[in-house]
Amino acid sequence: MSGSRKAIWAVVGAVVVVSLAALSTPAQAEMAPEYAFRDRTGTAVRFSAFQGKVVVVNLWAMWCAPCKAEMPTLQALAKAYEANEDLVVLPINVDATPEAAAEARRFLDDHAPLPFYSDIRFQLPFEFPGKGAMPQTIILDRQGRIRATMAGEADWSSPQARALIDAVLAEGGAPPPA
């Protein structure tokens, strides 16, 4: 087992014990699905567009109270790493109507200024190992492989979450934020 893989497992162990109890890492990293979702302008986007970056994918909905509760911590994570171009925080709203997606866009603008992406077909949560769990957060490595998944609310601004992100970033040599 490589040094970086050992470091990830050590961090995952610490994270599970401390605060992200539902975090899991696949024994064999699988690729993120090549599923199209939409950006704020309605343009189709695929995970392959973020190749070369570590991506924190968060699937959320307005009807999901834990989803909304964790948004400020995702925004804090994005802010902590804003100078690091190797990390992308990608919240994808899965509300099933254009009206609900518009409400979600306003919610992000008001409470957690993050980029807005949507999947109004509500299919993406079932394409990942969490199989529909909400919220669901997936960490993709630079090659687009699923490195960790989290079902349920988490504090993404915690030291444990940052340690996990730093471990995945370190695999490609990018320094953690100052």
N, C-alpha and C. Protein backbone atom coordinates (compact mmCIF):
# COMPACT_ATOMS: atom_id res chain seq x y z
N MET A 1 0.85 -1.17 0.00
CA MET A 1 0.00 0.00 0.00
C MET A 1 0.89 1.24 0.00
N SER A 2 0.60 2.17 -0.88
CA SER A 2 1.43 3.37 -1.00
C SER A 2 1.27 4.26 0.23
N GLY A 3 2.23 5.16 0.41
CA GLY A 3 2.20 6.08 1.54
C GLY A 3 0.97 6.96 1.53
N SER A 4 0.59 7.46 0.34
CA SER A 4 -0.58 8.34 0.29
C SER A 4 -1.86 7.56 0.58
N ARG A 5 -1.92 6.32 0.15
CA ARG A 5 -3.11 5.49 0.43
C ARG A 5 -3.20 5.22 1.93
N LYS A 6 -2.06 4.95 2.58
CA LYS A 6 -2.05 4.74 4.03
C LYS A 6 -2.50 6.01 4.75
N ALA A 7 -2.04 7.15 4.26
CA ALA A 7 -2.42 8.42 4.88
C ALA A 7 -3.92 8.64 4.77
N ILE A 8 -4.49 8.33 3.62
CA ILE A 8 -5.93 8.48 3.44
C ILE A 8 -6.68 7.58 4.41
N TRP A 9 -6.26 6.32 4.53
CA TRP A 9 -6.94 5.41 5.45
C TRP A 9 -6.81 5.88 6.89
N ALA A 10 -5.66 6.44 7.27
CA ALA A 10 -5.49 6.96 8.63
C ALA A 10 -6.43 8.13 8.87
N VAL A 11 -6.51 9.02 7.90
CA VAL A 11 -7.40 10.17 8.03
C VAL A 11 -8.86 9.70 8.06
N VAL A 12 -9.21 8.78 7.19
CA VAL A 12 -10.58 8.27 7.17
C VAL A 12 -10.94 7.67 8.52
N GLY A 13 -10.02 6.93 9.11
CA GLY A 13 -10.26 6.36 10.43
C GLY A 13 -10.52 7.43 11.46
N ALA A 14 -9.72 8.47 11.46
CA ALA A 14 -9.90 9.57 12.41
C ALA A 14 -11.22 10.29 12.16
N VAL A 15 -11.55 10.50 10.90
CA VAL A 15 -12.79 11.20 10.56
C VAL A 15 -14.00 10.40 11.03
N VAL A 16 -13.97 9.10 10.80
CA VAL A 16 -15.09 8.26 11.19
C VAL A 16 -15.29 8.33 12.70
N VAL A 17 -14.22 8.25 13.45
CA VAL A 17 -14.31 8.28 14.91
C VAL A 17 -14.84 9.62 15.40
N VAL A 18 -14.40 10.71 14.81
CA VAL A 18 -14.71 12.02 15.36
C VAL A 18 -16.07 12.56 14.92
N SER A 19 -16.32 12.68 13.61
CA SER A 19 -17.56 13.38 13.26
C SER A 19 -18.25 12.92 11.99
N LEU A 20 -17.59 12.28 11.12
CA LEU A 20 -18.21 11.90 9.86
C LEU A 20 -18.49 10.40 9.87
N ALA A 21 -19.34 9.97 10.80
CA ALA A 21 -19.54 8.56 11.06
C ALA A 21 -20.02 7.76 9.85
N ALA A 22 -20.69 8.39 8.91
CA ALA A 22 -21.21 7.65 7.77
C ALA A 22 -20.27 7.68 6.57
N LEU A 23 -19.06 8.17 6.73
CA LEU A 23 -18.09 8.24 5.64
C LEU A 23 -17.63 6.84 5.27
N SER A 24 -17.52 6.57 3.99
CA SER A 24 -16.97 5.29 3.58
C SER A 24 -16.02 5.50 2.40
N THR A 25 -15.07 4.60 2.30
CA THR A 25 -14.15 4.64 1.17
C THR A 25 -14.28 3.30 0.44
N PRO A 26 -14.43 3.33 -0.86
CA PRO A 26 -14.57 2.08 -1.59
C PRO A 26 -13.25 1.31 -1.60
N ALA A 27 -13.35 -0.02 -1.50
CA ALA A 27 -12.15 -0.85 -1.56
C ALA A 27 -11.47 -0.69 -2.91
N GLN A 28 -12.25 -0.61 -3.95
CA GLN A 28 -11.76 -0.41 -5.31
C GLN A 28 -12.38 0.88 -5.82
N ALA A 29 -11.57 1.89 -6.05
CA ALA A 29 -12.09 3.18 -6.49
C ALA A 29 -12.75 3.04 -7.86
N GLU A 30 -14.01 3.46 -7.96
CA GLU A 30 -14.70 3.42 -9.24
C GLU A 30 -14.81 4.84 -9.79
N MET A 31 -15.02 4.95 -11.06
CA MET A 31 -15.13 6.25 -11.71
C MET A 31 -16.48 6.89 -11.41
N ALA A 32 -16.48 8.22 -11.36
CA ALA A 32 -17.74 8.95 -11.23
C ALA A 32 -18.55 8.70 -12.50
N PRO A 33 -19.86 8.68 -12.37
CA PRO A 33 -20.68 8.45 -13.57
C PRO A 33 -20.55 9.60 -14.55
N GLU A 34 -20.66 9.30 -15.82
CA GLU A 34 -20.63 10.36 -16.84
C GLU A 34 -22.07 10.80 -17.10
N TYR A 35 -22.63 11.37 -16.09
CA TYR A 35 -24.03 11.81 -16.09
C TYR A 35 -24.06 13.32 -16.27
N ALA A 36 -24.93 13.81 -17.11
CA ALA A 36 -25.01 15.26 -17.35
C ALA A 36 -25.93 15.92 -16.33
N PHE A 37 -25.42 16.98 -15.71
CA PHE A 37 -26.22 17.84 -14.86
C PHE A 37 -26.08 19.25 -15.43
N ARG A 38 -26.73 20.23 -14.86
CA ARG A 38 -26.77 21.58 -15.45
C ARG A 38 -26.12 22.61 -14.54
N ASP A 39 -25.47 23.60 -15.16
CA ASP A 39 -24.94 24.72 -14.38
C ASP A 39 -26.03 25.79 -14.27
N ARG A 40 -25.69 26.91 -13.69
CA ARG A 40 -26.65 28.00 -13.44
C ARG A 40 -27.31 28.49 -14.73
N THR A 41 -26.59 28.42 -15.85
CA THR A 41 -27.14 28.92 -17.12
C THR A 41 -27.92 27.85 -17.88
N GLY A 42 -27.94 26.62 -17.36
CA GLY A 42 -28.64 25.53 -18.04
C GLY A 42 -27.75 24.71 -18.94
N THR A 43 -26.47 25.02 -19.00
CA THR A 43 -25.52 24.28 -19.83
C THR A 43 -25.22 22.92 -19.20
N ALA A 44 -25.20 21.88 -20.02
CA ALA A 44 -24.89 20.54 -19.53
C ALA A 44 -23.43 20.46 -19.11
N VAL A 45 -23.20 19.82 -17.97
CA VAL A 45 -21.86 19.64 -17.41
C VAL A 45 -21.71 18.17 -17.02
N ARG A 46 -20.51 17.64 -17.19
CA ARG A 46 -20.19 16.27 -16.76
C ARG A 46 -19.00 16.33 -15.82
N PHE A 47 -18.86 15.31 -14.99
CA PHE A 47 -17.74 15.28 -14.04
C PHE A 47 -16.39 15.31 -14.74
N SER A 48 -16.33 14.79 -15.96
CA SER A 48 -15.06 14.80 -16.69
C SER A 48 -14.57 16.22 -16.95
N ALA A 49 -15.45 17.21 -16.88
CA ALA A 49 -15.04 18.61 -17.06
C ALA A 49 -14.10 19.07 -15.95
N PHE A 50 -14.07 18.33 -14.84
CA PHE A 50 -13.24 18.71 -13.69
C PHE A 50 -12.01 17.81 -13.56
N GLN A 51 -11.70 17.05 -14.62
CA GLN A 51 -10.53 16.18 -14.63
C GLN A 51 -9.29 16.97 -14.21
N GLY A 52 -8.48 16.38 -13.36
CA GLY A 52 -7.27 17.05 -12.90
C GLY A 52 -7.47 17.81 -11.60
N LYS A 53 -8.71 17.86 -11.12
CA LYS A 53 -9.01 18.54 -9.86
C LYS A 53 -9.64 17.55 -8.88
N VAL A 54 -9.46 17.82 -7.59
CA VAL A 54 -10.19 17.08 -6.56
C VAL A 54 -11.55 17.76 -6.45
N VAL A 55 -12.61 16.96 -6.47
CA VAL A 55 -13.97 17.51 -6.49
C VAL A 55 -14.76 17.00 -5.29
N VAL A 56 -15.34 17.93 -4.55
CA VAL A 56 -16.25 17.59 -3.45
C VAL A 56 -17.66 17.80 -4.00
N VAL A 57 -18.33 16.69 -4.35
CA VAL A 57 -19.68 16.73 -4.91
C VAL A 57 -20.66 16.62 -3.75
N ASN A 58 -21.61 17.55 -3.68
CA ASN A 58 -22.63 17.48 -2.64
C ASN A 58 -23.99 17.47 -3.31
N LEU A 59 -24.74 16.40 -3.10
CA LEU A 59 -26.09 16.27 -3.65
C LEU A 59 -27.07 16.70 -2.56
N TRP A 60 -27.93 17.66 -2.88
CA TRP A 60 -28.80 18.24 -1.87
C TRP A 60 -30.13 18.67 -2.47
N ALA A 61 -31.12 18.93 -1.59
CA ALA A 61 -32.43 19.38 -2.03
C ALA A 61 -33.02 20.33 -1.00
N MET A 62 -33.93 21.18 -1.43
CA MET A 62 -34.57 22.12 -0.52
C MET A 62 -35.47 21.43 0.49
N TRP A 63 -36.05 20.29 0.15
CA TRP A 63 -36.93 19.57 1.07
C TRP A 63 -36.16 18.80 2.14
N CYS A 64 -34.84 18.81 2.04
CA CYS A 64 -33.97 18.06 2.95
C CYS A 64 -33.33 19.01 3.97
N ALA A 65 -33.87 19.02 5.20
CA ALA A 65 -33.35 19.94 6.23
C ALA A 65 -31.86 19.73 6.51
N PRO A 66 -31.36 18.48 6.64
CA PRO A 66 -29.91 18.32 6.85
C PRO A 66 -29.07 18.84 5.68
N CYS A 67 -29.62 18.77 4.47
CA CYS A 67 -28.91 19.29 3.30
C CYS A 67 -28.68 20.79 3.46
N LYS A 68 -29.74 21.50 3.81
CA LYS A 68 -29.64 22.95 3.97
C LYS A 68 -28.77 23.31 5.16
N ALA A 69 -28.84 22.50 6.22
CA ALA A 69 -28.06 22.79 7.43
C ALA A 69 -26.56 22.70 7.17
N GLU A 70 -26.12 21.79 6.29
CA GLU A 70 -24.68 21.64 6.06
C GLU A 70 -24.13 22.60 5.01
N MET A 71 -24.98 23.31 4.29
CA MET A 71 -24.50 24.21 3.24
C MET A 71 -23.50 25.26 3.74
N PRO A 72 -23.73 25.91 4.89
CA PRO A 72 -22.73 26.88 5.34
C PRO A 72 -21.36 26.24 5.60
N THR A 73 -21.32 24.96 5.99
CA THR A 73 -20.02 24.33 6.21
C THR A 73 -19.34 24.01 4.88
N LEU A 74 -20.13 23.70 3.85
CA LEU A 74 -19.54 23.52 2.51
C LEU A 74 -19.00 24.84 1.99
N GLN A 75 -19.72 25.92 2.26
CA GLN A 75 -19.26 27.23 1.84
C GLN A 75 -17.97 27.59 2.57
N ALA A 76 -17.88 27.24 3.87
CA ALA A 76 -16.66 27.50 4.64
C ALA A 76 -15.50 26.68 4.08
N LEU A 77 -15.78 25.44 3.66
CA LEU A 77 -14.74 24.61 3.04
C LEU A 77 -14.26 25.26 1.74
N ALA A 78 -15.20 25.68 0.91
CA ALA A 78 -14.83 26.34 -0.35
C ALA A 78 -14.01 27.59 -0.09
N LYS A 79 -14.38 28.36 0.91
CA LYS A 79 -13.65 29.59 1.23
C LYS A 79 -12.24 29.27 1.72
N ALA A 80 -12.10 28.23 2.54
CA ALA A 80 -10.78 27.85 3.06
C ALA A 80 -9.83 27.45 1.93
N TYR A 81 -10.37 26.91 0.84
CA TYR A 81 -9.54 26.43 -0.27
C TYR A 81 -9.65 27.32 -1.50
N GLU A 82 -10.22 28.51 -1.39
CA GLU A 82 -10.47 29.33 -2.58
C GLU A 82 -9.21 29.66 -3.37
N ALA A 83 -8.06 29.70 -2.73
CA ALA A 83 -6.81 29.99 -3.45
C ALA A 83 -6.24 28.74 -4.13
N ASN A 84 -6.80 27.59 -3.82
CA ASN A 84 -6.30 26.33 -4.38
C ASN A 84 -7.14 25.95 -5.59
N GLU A 85 -6.59 26.14 -6.77
CA GLU A 85 -7.32 25.84 -8.00
C GLU A 85 -7.47 24.35 -8.25
N ASP A 86 -6.86 23.53 -7.40
CA ASP A 86 -6.94 22.08 -7.56
C ASP A 86 -8.14 21.47 -6.85
N LEU A 87 -8.95 22.28 -6.16
CA LEU A 87 -10.13 21.78 -5.46
C LEU A 87 -11.37 22.52 -5.94
N VAL A 88 -12.43 21.74 -6.19
CA VAL A 88 -13.72 22.29 -6.59
C VAL A 88 -14.78 21.77 -5.63
N VAL A 89 -15.57 22.67 -5.06
CA VAL A 89 -16.74 22.28 -4.27
C VAL A 89 -17.94 22.43 -5.20
N LEU A 90 -18.64 21.32 -5.41
CA LEU A 90 -19.66 21.23 -6.45
C LEU A 90 -21.01 20.81 -5.85
N PRO A 91 -21.79 21.77 -5.34
CA PRO A 91 -23.12 21.41 -4.85
C PRO A 91 -24.07 21.21 -6.02
N ILE A 92 -24.75 20.08 -6.04
CA ILE A 92 -25.70 19.80 -7.13
C ILE A 92 -27.08 19.61 -6.50
N ASN A 93 -27.98 20.52 -6.81
CA ASN A 93 -29.34 20.47 -6.30
C ASN A 93 -30.14 19.46 -7.11
N VAL A 94 -30.94 18.64 -6.43
CA VAL A 94 -31.70 17.60 -7.12
C VAL A 94 -33.21 17.79 -7.00
N ASP A 95 -33.65 19.01 -6.69
CA ASP A 95 -35.09 19.27 -6.64
C ASP A 95 -35.68 19.03 -8.02
N ALA A 96 -36.89 18.46 -8.05
CA ALA A 96 -37.43 17.90 -9.29
C ALA A 96 -38.23 18.85 -10.17
N THR A 97 -38.32 20.11 -9.82
CA THR A 97 -39.04 21.04 -10.69
C THR A 97 -38.20 22.29 -10.91
N PRO A 98 -38.40 22.97 -12.02
CA PRO A 98 -37.67 24.22 -12.24
C PRO A 98 -37.95 25.26 -11.15
N GLU A 99 -39.18 25.28 -10.62
CA GLU A 99 -39.52 26.24 -9.56
C GLU A 99 -38.72 25.94 -8.29
N ALA A 100 -38.63 24.67 -7.92
CA ALA A 100 -37.87 24.29 -6.73
C ALA A 100 -36.38 24.56 -6.94
N ALA A 101 -35.90 24.33 -8.15
CA ALA A 101 -34.49 24.62 -8.44
C ALA A 101 -34.22 26.13 -8.33
N ALA A 102 -35.16 26.95 -8.76
CA ALA A 102 -35.00 28.40 -8.63
C ALA A 102 -34.98 28.81 -7.16
N GLU A 103 -35.82 28.18 -6.35
CA GLU A 103 -35.81 28.45 -4.90
C GLU A 103 -34.46 28.04 -4.30
N ALA A 104 -33.93 26.91 -4.74
CA ALA A 104 -32.63 26.44 -4.26
C ALA A 104 -31.51 27.41 -4.65
N ARG A 105 -31.58 27.93 -5.86
CA ARG A 105 -30.60 28.92 -6.32
C ARG A 105 -30.61 30.15 -5.41
N ARG A 106 -31.82 30.62 -5.08
CA ARG A 106 -31.95 31.78 -4.18
C ARG A 106 -31.41 31.44 -2.79
N PHE A 107 -31.69 30.23 -2.32
CA PHE A 107 -31.19 29.81 -1.00
C PHE A 107 -29.67 29.87 -0.96
N LEU A 108 -29.01 29.32 -1.98
CA LEU A 108 -27.55 29.37 -2.02
C LEU A 108 -27.06 30.81 -2.07
N ASP A 109 -27.67 31.62 -2.90
CA ASP A 109 -27.25 33.02 -3.00
C ASP A 109 -27.33 33.73 -1.65
N ASP A 110 -28.37 33.42 -0.88
CA ASP A 110 -28.60 34.10 0.40
C ASP A 110 -27.83 33.51 1.57
N HIS A 111 -27.60 32.18 1.57
CA HIS A 111 -27.06 31.52 2.76
C HIS A 111 -25.69 30.88 2.59
N ALA A 112 -25.32 30.54 1.41
CA ALA A 112 -24.03 29.87 1.18
C ALA A 112 -23.62 30.13 -0.26
N PRO A 113 -23.01 31.28 -0.53
CA PRO A 113 -22.69 31.62 -1.91
C PRO A 113 -21.71 30.61 -2.54
N LEU A 114 -22.29 29.67 -3.23
CA LEU A 114 -21.53 28.62 -3.93
C LEU A 114 -22.05 28.55 -5.36
N PRO A 115 -21.29 27.93 -6.25
CA PRO A 115 -21.80 27.74 -7.61
C PRO A 115 -23.08 26.89 -7.57
N PHE A 116 -23.98 27.13 -8.48
CA PHE A 116 -25.23 26.37 -8.52
C PHE A 116 -25.23 25.41 -9.69
N TYR A 117 -25.49 24.14 -9.38
CA TYR A 117 -25.67 23.10 -10.39
C TYR A 117 -26.94 22.35 -10.03
N SER A 118 -27.60 21.77 -11.03
CA SER A 118 -28.84 21.06 -10.74
C SER A 118 -29.01 19.80 -11.58
N ASP A 119 -29.81 18.91 -11.03
CA ASP A 119 -30.23 17.67 -11.69
C ASP A 119 -31.72 17.53 -11.40
N ILE A 120 -32.55 18.20 -12.19
CA ILE A 120 -33.98 18.18 -11.89
C ILE A 120 -34.63 16.84 -12.20
N ARG A 121 -33.87 15.92 -12.77
CA ARG A 121 -34.40 14.56 -12.99
C ARG A 121 -34.27 13.70 -11.74
N PHE A 122 -33.54 14.19 -10.72
CA PHE A 122 -33.31 13.48 -9.46
C PHE A 122 -32.80 12.06 -9.71
N GLN A 123 -31.85 11.93 -10.62
CA GLN A 123 -31.24 10.63 -10.91
C GLN A 123 -29.83 10.50 -10.34
N LEU A 124 -29.13 11.60 -10.25
CA LEU A 124 -27.72 11.56 -9.84
C LEU A 124 -27.51 10.91 -8.47
N PRO A 125 -28.38 11.14 -7.46
CA PRO A 125 -28.13 10.48 -6.17
C PRO A 125 -28.11 8.95 -6.27
N PHE A 126 -28.75 8.40 -7.28
CA PHE A 126 -28.80 6.95 -7.43
C PHE A 126 -27.65 6.41 -8.28
N GLU A 127 -26.85 7.30 -8.85
CA GLU A 127 -25.70 6.90 -9.66
C GLU A 127 -24.45 6.69 -8.81
N PHE A 128 -24.49 7.14 -7.56
CA PHE A 128 -23.36 7.02 -6.65
C PHE A 128 -23.63 5.93 -5.61
N PRO A 129 -22.59 5.50 -4.89
CA PRO A 129 -22.76 4.41 -3.91
C PRO A 129 -23.82 4.68 -2.84
N GLY A 130 -24.15 5.93 -2.52
CA GLY A 130 -25.15 6.24 -1.51
C GLY A 130 -26.57 5.88 -1.90
N LYS A 131 -26.79 5.57 -3.17
CA LYS A 131 -28.07 5.12 -3.71
C LYS A 131 -29.28 5.88 -3.18
N GLY A 132 -29.23 7.20 -3.31
CA GLY A 132 -30.38 8.03 -2.98
C GLY A 132 -30.31 8.73 -1.65
N ALA A 133 -29.28 8.47 -0.85
CA ALA A 133 -29.16 9.14 0.45
C ALA A 133 -29.09 10.65 0.26
N MET A 134 -29.67 11.38 1.20
CA MET A 134 -29.65 12.84 1.13
C MET A 134 -29.35 13.41 2.51
N PRO A 135 -28.46 14.37 2.65
CA PRO A 135 -27.52 14.76 1.62
C PRO A 135 -26.51 13.64 1.37
N GLN A 136 -25.85 13.72 0.26
CA GLN A 136 -24.82 12.75 -0.10
C GLN A 136 -23.63 13.54 -0.63
N THR A 137 -22.46 13.28 -0.06
CA THR A 137 -21.26 13.97 -0.50
C THR A 137 -20.26 12.94 -0.99
N ILE A 138 -19.66 13.21 -2.12
CA ILE A 138 -18.72 12.29 -2.76
C ILE A 138 -17.45 13.06 -3.04
N ILE A 139 -16.32 12.47 -2.70
CA ILE A 139 -15.03 13.10 -2.99
C ILE A 139 -14.40 12.34 -4.15
N LEU A 140 -14.13 13.08 -5.22
CA LEU A 140 -13.51 12.51 -6.42
C LEU A 140 -12.05 12.94 -6.47
N ASP A 141 -11.18 12.03 -6.87
CA ASP A 141 -9.77 12.40 -7.03
C ASP A 141 -9.56 13.04 -8.40
N ARG A 142 -8.33 13.35 -8.70
CA ARG A 142 -8.01 14.07 -9.94
C ARG A 142 -8.34 13.28 -11.21
N GLN A 143 -8.44 11.97 -11.08
CA GLN A 143 -8.78 11.14 -12.24
C GLN A 143 -10.28 10.89 -12.34
N GLY A 144 -11.06 11.46 -11.41
CA GLY A 144 -12.50 11.27 -11.45
C GLY A 144 -12.97 10.02 -10.74
N ARG A 145 -12.09 9.42 -9.93
CA ARG A 145 -12.46 8.21 -9.18
C ARG A 145 -13.09 8.60 -7.85
N ILE A 146 -14.06 7.81 -7.42
CA ILE A 146 -14.71 8.02 -6.13
C ILE A 146 -13.76 7.56 -5.04
N ARG A 147 -13.33 8.49 -4.19
CA ARG A 147 -12.40 8.17 -3.11
C ARG A 147 -13.09 8.04 -1.77
N ALA A 148 -14.19 8.76 -1.57
CA ALA A 148 -14.93 8.67 -0.31
C ALA A 148 -16.36 9.13 -0.56
N THR A 149 -17.28 8.56 0.21
CA THR A 149 -18.67 8.99 0.15
C THR A 149 -19.19 9.20 1.57
N MET A 150 -20.11 10.12 1.69
CA MET A 150 -20.70 10.42 2.99
C MET A 150 -22.20 10.54 2.80
N ALA A 151 -22.95 9.74 3.53
CA ALA A 151 -24.41 9.82 3.52
C ALA A 151 -24.84 10.53 4.78
N GLY A 152 -25.55 11.63 4.63
CA GLY A 152 -26.02 12.38 5.79
C GLY A 152 -25.24 13.67 5.98
N GLU A 153 -25.72 14.46 6.94
CA GLU A 153 -25.14 15.77 7.22
C GLU A 153 -23.76 15.65 7.85
N ALA A 154 -22.86 16.55 7.48
CA ALA A 154 -21.51 16.57 8.05
C ALA A 154 -21.05 18.02 8.19
N ASP A 155 -20.06 18.21 9.02
CA ASP A 155 -19.43 19.52 9.18
C ASP A 155 -18.21 19.56 8.27
N TRP A 156 -18.37 20.11 7.07
CA TRP A 156 -17.29 20.13 6.09
C TRP A 156 -16.25 21.20 6.39
N SER A 157 -16.48 22.00 7.41
CA SER A 157 -15.47 22.98 7.82
C SER A 157 -14.61 22.46 8.96
N SER A 158 -14.85 21.23 9.40
CA SER A 158 -14.12 20.66 10.54
C SER A 158 -12.68 20.31 10.16
N PRO A 159 -11.79 20.22 11.15
CA PRO A 159 -10.41 19.80 10.88
C PRO A 159 -10.36 18.39 10.27
N GLN A 160 -11.27 17.53 10.65
CA GLN A 160 -11.28 16.17 10.12
C GLN A 160 -11.61 16.16 8.63
N ALA A 161 -12.59 16.96 8.25
CA ALA A 161 -12.94 17.05 6.83
C ALA A 161 -11.79 17.64 6.03
N ARG A 162 -11.17 18.68 6.57
CA ARG A 162 -10.03 19.30 5.87
C ARG A 162 -8.88 18.31 5.74
N ALA A 163 -8.66 17.48 6.76
CA ALA A 163 -7.58 16.49 6.69
C ALA A 163 -7.85 15.48 5.57
N LEU A 164 -9.11 15.08 5.42
CA LEU A 164 -9.45 14.15 4.35
C LEU A 164 -9.21 14.80 2.98
N ILE A 165 -9.67 16.03 2.81
CA ILE A 165 -9.47 16.75 1.55
C ILE A 165 -7.98 16.92 1.28
N ASP A 166 -7.22 17.31 2.31
CA ASP A 166 -5.77 17.49 2.15
C ASP A 166 -5.09 16.20 1.71
N ALA A 167 -5.54 15.07 2.25
CA ALA A 167 -4.93 13.79 1.89
C ALA A 167 -5.16 13.47 0.41
N VAL A 168 -6.36 13.73 -0.08
CA VAL A 168 -6.65 13.47 -1.50
C VAL A 168 -5.90 14.48 -2.37
N LEU A 169 -5.84 15.73 -1.95
CA LEU A 169 -5.07 16.73 -2.70
C LEU A 169 -3.59 16.37 -2.75
N ALA A 170 -3.05 15.84 -1.67
CA ALA A 170 -1.62 15.52 -1.59
C ALA A 170 -1.22 14.45 -2.59
N GLU A 171 -2.15 13.63 -3.01
CA GLU A 171 -1.84 12.60 -4.00
C GLU A 171 -1.35 13.21 -5.30
N GLY A 172 -1.76 14.42 -5.58
CA GLY A 172 -1.34 15.08 -6.81
C GLY A 172 -0.32 16.16 -6.58
N GLY A 173 0.12 16.31 -5.33
CA GLY A 173 1.16 17.27 -5.02
C GLY A 173 0.71 18.68 -4.73
N ALA A 174 -0.60 18.94 -4.72
CA ALA A 174 -1.07 20.31 -4.43
C ALA A 174 -0.96 20.58 -2.94
N PRO A 175 -0.46 21.73 -2.56
CA PRO A 175 -0.35 22.04 -1.14
C PRO A 175 -1.72 22.35 -0.54
N PRO A 176 -1.93 22.03 0.76
CA PRO A 176 -3.17 22.41 1.42
C PRO A 176 -3.21 23.92 1.60
N PRO A 177 -4.39 24.48 1.94
CA PRO A 177 -4.46 25.93 2.12
C PRO A 177 -3.65 26.36 3.33
N ALA A 178 -3.24 27.62 3.32
CA ALA A 178 -2.44 28.17 4.44
C ALA A 178 -3.29 28.31 5.68
